[in-house]
């Protein structure tokens, strides 16, 4: 007797949206495409859910409709918008898009460091005003960088920064002296005690109960006045009001910010126009073709699931990340 393919709900931002490259799943699963408004009707009888709209928090409101749901895949590295207490306590397996964004985000961090050191933002502003002004950029070779977050993104960042001559250290949940990608790893709960040693502080941490507000007034005040902050983790891991105050007081030299407490960044935020601040629209990992990579990763996971093979990138729902991926 032919078995009925298991139903998989694909939650998209609009009813018309369809991820590409799902053809290998034809006949293997029943795909139900929906947006948040239709999620309650799509869930009954489904055994899996793809959060293609990875910022959606709609599932919590229709959790009582989940029925036999057993697996959720989030098309993102961070899962903080998904996890709620009922889901954490359930047997539903959660996986994420670990690996897709590692190298692109690392490249973005390197570009941010180089743009600051080589005065590229200042040069752009001077060019716009038609001003010829000779200045002296800084070398990055020998500068010290601290990467907060020791998972895939942090490790890729550490390797790339090391390749151009920066001396890299890490910060995570567990101190260790000789990490292969990050060298000395410090306790991320004690940033204010040692952050003064670094020229660049890169925040690649996920948003968890331990990292919310991690970079606060005490950490910013302890940084060098010449130090530069790069945030590619989650906006709420940095206390934004404290950052604005630190920039105004000259406690740090500037910041490259790709993530914010509220997104889109409100038009009245002082960060838009502060000297030394580079704002980007949560795009550090979204290189050309990123959606295709996410779709192909999901297809591989779905085939593993229907064939009874082990899933990859299983999130520890209590920690909020894949064990071994992030120690922050």
Protein backbone atom coordinates (compact mmCIF):
# COMPACT_ATOMS: atom_id res chain seq x y z
CA UNK A 1 0.00 0.00 0.00
CA UNK A 2 1.35 3.42 -0.96
CA UNK A 3 1.90 5.69 2.05
CA UNK A 4 0.64 9.27 2.03
CA UNK A 5 3.57 11.71 1.92
CA UNK A 6 3.96 13.66 5.18
CA UNK A 7 2.66 17.22 5.11
CA UNK A 8 5.15 20.06 5.47
CA UNK A 9 3.94 23.62 6.00
CA UNK A 10 6.09 26.33 4.42
CA UNK A 11 5.50 29.65 6.19
CA UNK A 12 6.29 32.53 3.83
CA UNK A 13 5.93 36.29 4.22
CA UNK A 14 3.17 36.42 1.57
CA UNK A 15 0.70 33.83 0.26
CA UNK A 16 2.31 34.02 -3.19
CA UNK A 17 5.92 33.49 -2.09
CA UNK A 18 7.52 30.16 -3.01
CA UNK A 19 11.10 29.10 -2.25
CA UNK A 20 12.93 27.85 -5.33
CA UNK A 21 14.70 24.51 -5.75
CA UNK A 22 12.16 22.38 -3.86
CA UNK A 23 11.59 20.03 -6.84
CA UNK A 24 13.51 17.10 -5.27
CA UNK A 25 10.75 16.92 -2.64
CA UNK A 26 8.00 16.31 -5.22
CA UNK A 27 6.20 13.12 -4.27
CA UNK A 28 8.23 12.79 -1.08
CA UNK A 29 6.30 15.34 0.98
CA UNK A 30 3.11 17.36 0.66
CA UNK A 31 4.08 21.04 0.69
CA UNK A 32 1.53 23.48 2.09
CA UNK A 33 2.44 27.09 1.41
CA UNK A 34 0.96 29.79 3.63
CA UNK A 35 1.58 33.13 5.24
CA UNK A 36 1.08 33.95 8.91
CA UNK A 37 -2.63 34.63 8.45
CA UNK A 38 -3.21 31.12 7.10
CA UNK A 39 -0.91 29.24 9.44
CA UNK A 40 -3.68 28.06 11.79
CA UNK A 41 -5.52 26.41 8.91
CA UNK A 42 -2.36 24.91 7.35
CA UNK A 43 -0.95 23.28 10.51
CA UNK A 44 -3.47 20.54 11.36
CA UNK A 45 -2.14 17.20 10.14
CA UNK A 46 1.29 18.61 9.24
CA UNK A 47 4.37 16.89 10.63
CA UNK A 48 6.96 19.54 9.75
CA UNK A 49 7.20 23.30 9.40
CA UNK A 50 9.68 25.33 7.36
CA UNK A 51 9.96 28.89 8.68
CA UNK A 52 10.94 30.50 5.39
CA UNK A 53 9.74 33.76 6.93
CA UNK A 54 12.34 33.34 9.63
CA UNK A 55 11.43 36.50 11.53
CA UNK A 56 7.84 35.36 12.02
CA UNK A 57 6.62 34.67 15.55
CA UNK A 58 3.19 33.50 14.34
CA UNK A 59 3.61 29.91 15.54
CA UNK A 60 3.21 30.76 19.20
CA UNK A 61 -0.26 32.16 18.59
CA UNK A 62 -1.47 28.96 16.88
CA UNK A 63 0.49 26.44 18.94
CA UNK A 64 -2.71 24.67 19.95
CA UNK A 65 -3.23 23.77 16.26
CA UNK A 66 0.12 21.99 15.89
CA UNK A 67 -1.33 18.47 16.07
CA UNK A 68 1.42 15.98 15.19
CA UNK A 69 4.11 18.53 14.44
CA UNK A 70 7.50 16.93 15.02
CA UNK A 71 10.11 19.08 13.24
CA UNK A 72 10.65 22.80 12.57
CA UNK A 73 13.40 24.11 10.31
CA UNK A 74 14.30 27.81 10.54
CA UNK A 75 15.85 29.31 7.41
CA UNK A 76 18.19 31.43 9.52
CA UNK A 77 21.06 31.03 11.94
CA UNK A 78 19.27 32.73 14.83
CA UNK A 79 16.17 31.12 16.35
CA UNK A 80 15.40 33.67 19.07
CA UNK A 81 12.19 34.85 17.36
CA UNK A 82 10.86 31.28 17.27
CA UNK A 83 11.57 29.87 20.70
CA UNK A 84 8.83 30.20 23.33
CA UNK A 85 8.33 28.19 26.49
CA UNK A 86 5.72 25.75 25.15
CA UNK A 87 7.95 24.91 22.20
CA UNK A 88 11.02 24.57 24.42
CA UNK A 89 9.16 22.10 26.63
CA UNK A 90 7.82 20.05 23.71
CA UNK A 91 9.35 17.13 21.79
CA UNK A 92 9.38 19.11 18.53
CA UNK A 93 12.87 19.13 16.99
CA UNK A 94 14.20 22.50 15.80
CA UNK A 95 16.98 22.85 13.22
CA UNK A 96 18.56 25.98 11.75
CA UNK A 97 20.58 27.20 8.78
CA UNK A 98 23.96 26.76 10.40
CA UNK A 99 26.82 27.17 7.93
CA UNK A 100 25.07 29.16 5.19
CA UNK A 101 25.99 32.57 6.57
CA UNK A 102 29.40 31.92 8.14
CA UNK A 103 31.71 33.04 5.33
CA UNK A 104 29.52 35.90 4.03
CA UNK A 105 29.23 37.46 7.48
CA UNK A 106 32.96 37.00 8.07
CA UNK A 107 33.63 38.84 4.81
CA UNK A 108 31.31 41.64 5.92
CA UNK A 109 33.20 41.97 9.19
CA UNK A 110 36.52 42.11 7.37
CA UNK A 111 35.14 44.77 5.01
CA UNK A 112 33.92 46.79 8.00
CA UNK A 113 37.30 46.61 9.71
CA UNK A 114 39.15 47.61 6.54
CA UNK A 115 36.69 50.42 5.72
CA UNK A 116 37.28 51.91 9.16
CA UNK A 117 41.05 51.48 9.14
CA UNK A 118 41.44 52.82 5.59
CA UNK A 119 39.06 55.77 6.20
CA UNK A 120 36.82 54.73 3.31
CA UNK A 121 33.65 56.20 4.80
CA UNK A 122 35.39 59.52 5.37
CA UNK A 123 36.76 59.45 1.84
CA UNK A 124 33.25 58.91 0.48
CA UNK A 125 31.94 61.90 2.40
CA UNK A 126 34.82 64.11 1.27
CA UNK A 127 34.30 63.04 -2.33
CA UNK A 128 30.61 63.94 -2.11
CA UNK A 129 31.66 67.44 -1.00
CA UNK A 130 34.42 67.71 -3.62
CA UNK A 131 37.12 68.00 -0.96
CA UNK A 132 40.71 66.82 -1.53
CA UNK A 133 42.13 66.07 1.92
CA UNK A 134 45.17 63.92 2.51
CA UNK A 135 44.89 61.67 5.57
CA UNK A 136 46.79 58.73 7.00
CA UNK A 137 44.89 55.44 7.23
CA UNK A 138 45.81 52.78 9.76
CA UNK A 139 47.34 49.36 9.19
CA UNK A 140 45.36 46.35 10.36
CA UNK A 141 48.34 44.03 10.57
CA UNK A 142 49.15 43.56 14.23
CA UNK A 143 45.92 45.12 15.48
CA UNK A 144 43.99 43.11 18.06
CA UNK A 145 40.43 41.88 17.46
CA UNK A 146 38.04 40.27 19.93
CA UNK A 147 35.32 38.09 18.42
CA UNK A 148 32.36 37.57 20.76
CA UNK A 149 30.67 34.30 19.83
CA UNK A 150 32.68 31.17 19.14
CA UNK A 151 30.34 29.34 16.77
CA UNK A 152 30.51 28.99 13.01
CA UNK A 153 30.18 32.70 12.26
CA UNK A 154 32.68 33.71 14.94
CA UNK A 155 35.16 31.08 13.81
CA UNK A 156 34.92 32.06 10.14
CA UNK A 157 35.42 35.66 11.20
CA UNK A 158 38.44 34.80 13.33
CA UNK A 159 40.07 32.90 10.49
CA UNK A 160 39.53 35.69 7.99
CA UNK A 161 40.77 38.45 10.29
CA UNK A 162 43.82 36.37 11.15
CA UNK A 163 44.53 35.88 7.43
CA UNK A 164 45.08 39.62 6.95
CA UNK A 165 47.30 39.92 10.01
CA UNK A 166 45.05 40.81 12.92
CA UNK A 167 45.74 39.12 16.24
CA UNK A 168 42.46 37.46 17.13
CA UNK A 169 40.99 36.35 20.45
CA UNK A 170 37.51 35.08 21.26
CA UNK A 171 34.90 35.42 23.98
CA UNK A 172 32.53 32.60 24.89
CA UNK A 173 30.90 30.67 27.70
CA UNK A 174 34.05 28.68 28.45
CA UNK A 175 37.55 30.09 28.77
CA UNK A 176 40.32 28.19 27.00
CA UNK A 177 43.88 29.17 26.08
CA UNK A 178 44.45 27.75 22.63
CA UNK A 179 41.40 27.62 20.38
CA UNK A 180 42.37 26.66 16.79
CA UNK A 181 40.44 29.56 15.21
CA UNK A 182 40.30 32.18 17.97
CA UNK A 183 43.40 31.66 20.08
CA UNK A 184 42.73 32.73 23.65
CA UNK A 185 39.02 32.53 24.44
CA UNK A 186 37.86 34.66 27.37
CA UNK A 187 34.72 34.45 29.49
CA UNK A 188 32.07 36.51 27.69
CA UNK A 189 30.48 37.33 31.04
CA UNK A 190 33.54 39.36 32.04
CA UNK A 191 34.03 41.52 28.93
CA UNK A 192 34.61 44.73 30.87
CA UNK A 193 37.66 43.21 32.54
CA UNK A 194 39.70 42.71 29.36
CA UNK A 195 38.02 44.49 26.44
CA UNK A 196 40.47 47.40 26.75
CA UNK A 197 43.14 45.23 25.13
CA UNK A 198 41.44 45.26 21.70
CA UNK A 199 41.30 47.61 18.73
CA UNK A 200 38.25 45.91 17.20
CA UNK A 201 35.38 44.25 19.06
CA UNK A 202 33.21 42.05 16.84
CA UNK A 203 29.89 40.88 18.24
CA UNK A 204 28.78 37.67 16.51
CA UNK A 205 26.76 36.32 19.43
CA UNK A 206 23.22 34.96 19.13
CA UNK A 207 20.42 36.38 21.26
CA UNK A 208 19.91 34.24 24.35
CA UNK A 209 19.15 34.95 27.99
CA UNK A 210 22.91 35.05 28.60
CA UNK A 211 23.74 37.48 25.77
CA UNK A 212 20.87 39.97 25.95
CA UNK A 213 22.44 43.32 26.81
CA UNK A 214 25.90 41.74 26.85
CA UNK A 215 27.61 44.85 25.48
CA UNK A 216 26.43 47.52 27.89
CA UNK A 217 27.68 50.79 29.35
CA UNK A 218 30.33 49.06 31.49
CA UNK A 219 31.80 47.22 28.50
CA UNK A 220 31.71 50.28 26.23
CA UNK A 221 33.35 52.46 28.90
CA UNK A 222 36.13 49.90 29.26
CA UNK A 223 36.96 49.88 25.53
CA UNK A 224 39.78 51.97 24.12
CA UNK A 225 38.76 55.43 22.85
CA UNK A 226 40.24 54.34 19.50
CA UNK A 227 38.34 51.02 19.45
CA UNK A 228 35.74 50.12 16.83
CA UNK A 229 32.66 47.95 17.40
CA UNK A 230 31.20 45.69 14.70
CA UNK A 231 27.80 44.13 15.46
CA UNK A 232 26.65 41.29 13.20
CA UNK A 233 25.03 39.21 15.96
CA UNK A 234 21.65 40.38 17.22
CA UNK A 235 20.67 43.95 17.98
CA UNK A 236 19.50 43.27 21.53
CA UNK A 237 22.91 41.88 22.52
CA UNK A 238 24.09 45.52 22.55
CA UNK A 239 22.32 48.07 24.74
CA UNK A 240 21.60 50.64 22.04
CA UNK A 241 21.09 53.65 24.33
CA UNK A 242 24.39 52.87 26.04
CA UNK A 243 26.09 52.68 22.64
CA UNK A 244 24.70 56.07 21.59
CA UNK A 245 25.91 57.60 24.85
CA UNK A 246 29.36 56.04 24.48
CA UNK A 247 29.69 57.37 20.93
CA UNK A 248 28.62 60.85 22.00
CA UNK A 249 31.15 60.84 24.85
CA UNK A 250 33.94 59.56 22.60
CA UNK A 251 34.40 56.39 24.64
CA UNK A 252 34.83 54.47 21.37
CA UNK A 253 35.83 55.66 17.91
CA UNK A 254 32.86 54.28 15.99
CA UNK A 255 30.79 51.29 15.03
CA UNK A 256 29.60 49.25 12.06
CA UNK A 257 26.08 48.11 12.87
CA UNK A 258 24.15 45.56 10.81
CA UNK A 259 21.58 44.63 13.48
CA UNK A 260 19.49 46.72 15.84
CA UNK A 261 17.08 46.44 18.76
CA UNK A 262 14.25 47.56 16.45
CA UNK A 263 14.34 46.77 12.74
CA UNK A 264 14.02 48.61 10.46
CA UNK A 265 16.06 51.16 12.41
CA UNK A 266 13.64 53.99 13.30
CA UNK A 267 14.13 57.11 11.20
CA UNK A 268 14.60 59.21 14.35
CA UNK A 269 17.46 57.07 15.67
CA UNK A 270 20.61 59.17 16.26
CA UNK A 271 22.68 56.28 14.88
CA UNK A 272 21.77 57.26 11.32
CA UNK A 273 23.83 60.45 11.45
CA UNK A 274 26.43 59.90 14.15
CA UNK A 275 30.03 60.42 13.03
CA UNK A 276 31.96 57.17 12.80
CA UNK A 277 28.83 55.00 12.55
CA UNK A 278 28.09 52.80 9.53
CA UNK A 279 24.51 51.51 9.34
CA UNK A 280 23.42 48.59 7.15
CA UNK A 281 20.03 46.89 6.89
CA UNK A 282 20.63 43.45 8.49
CA UNK A 283 22.29 42.21 5.31
CA UNK A 284 25.75 41.00 6.29
CA UNK A 285 24.99 37.36 5.43
CA UNK A 286 22.63 37.92 2.51
CA UNK A 287 25.00 37.53 -0.41
CA UNK A 288 23.61 37.04 -3.91
CA UNK A 289 22.07 33.55 -4.01
CA UNK A 290 21.54 33.21 -0.26
CA UNK A 291 17.90 32.17 -0.63
CA UNK A 292 18.93 29.43 -3.06
CA UNK A 293 21.45 28.13 -0.54
CA UNK A 294 18.83 28.13 2.20
CA UNK A 295 16.34 26.25 0.02
CA UNK A 296 18.87 23.59 -0.97
CA UNK A 297 19.88 23.15 2.65
CA UNK A 298 16.24 22.58 3.59
CA UNK A 299 15.79 20.04 0.78
CA UNK A 300 18.77 18.07 2.11
CA UNK A 301 17.31 18.18 5.62
CA UNK A 302 13.83 17.17 4.43
CA UNK A 303 15.21 14.18 2.51
CA UNK A 304 17.10 13.11 5.62
CA UNK A 305 13.87 13.40 7.59
CA UNK A 306 11.64 11.39 5.24
CA UNK A 307 14.34 8.73 4.86
CA UNK A 308 14.77 8.36 8.60
CA UNK A 309 18.33 9.68 8.64
CA UNK A 310 19.70 11.98 11.33
CA UNK A 311 18.95 15.67 10.96
CA UNK A 312 21.80 18.17 11.05
CA UNK A 313 21.99 21.47 12.96
CA UNK A 314 19.67 20.41 15.79
CA UNK A 315 19.12 23.35 18.14
CA UNK A 316 19.30 22.89 21.88
CA UNK A 317 16.05 24.68 22.66
CA UNK A 318 17.11 25.57 26.18
CA UNK A 319 20.41 27.08 25.11
CA UNK A 320 18.99 28.66 21.94
CA UNK A 321 21.62 27.42 19.50
CA UNK A 322 23.24 24.30 18.06
CA UNK A 323 25.66 22.87 20.66
CA UNK A 324 29.15 23.33 19.33
CA UNK A 325 27.94 26.10 17.03
CA UNK A 326 28.01 28.97 19.49
CA UNK A 327 29.54 29.22 22.91
CA UNK A 328 28.75 32.80 23.80
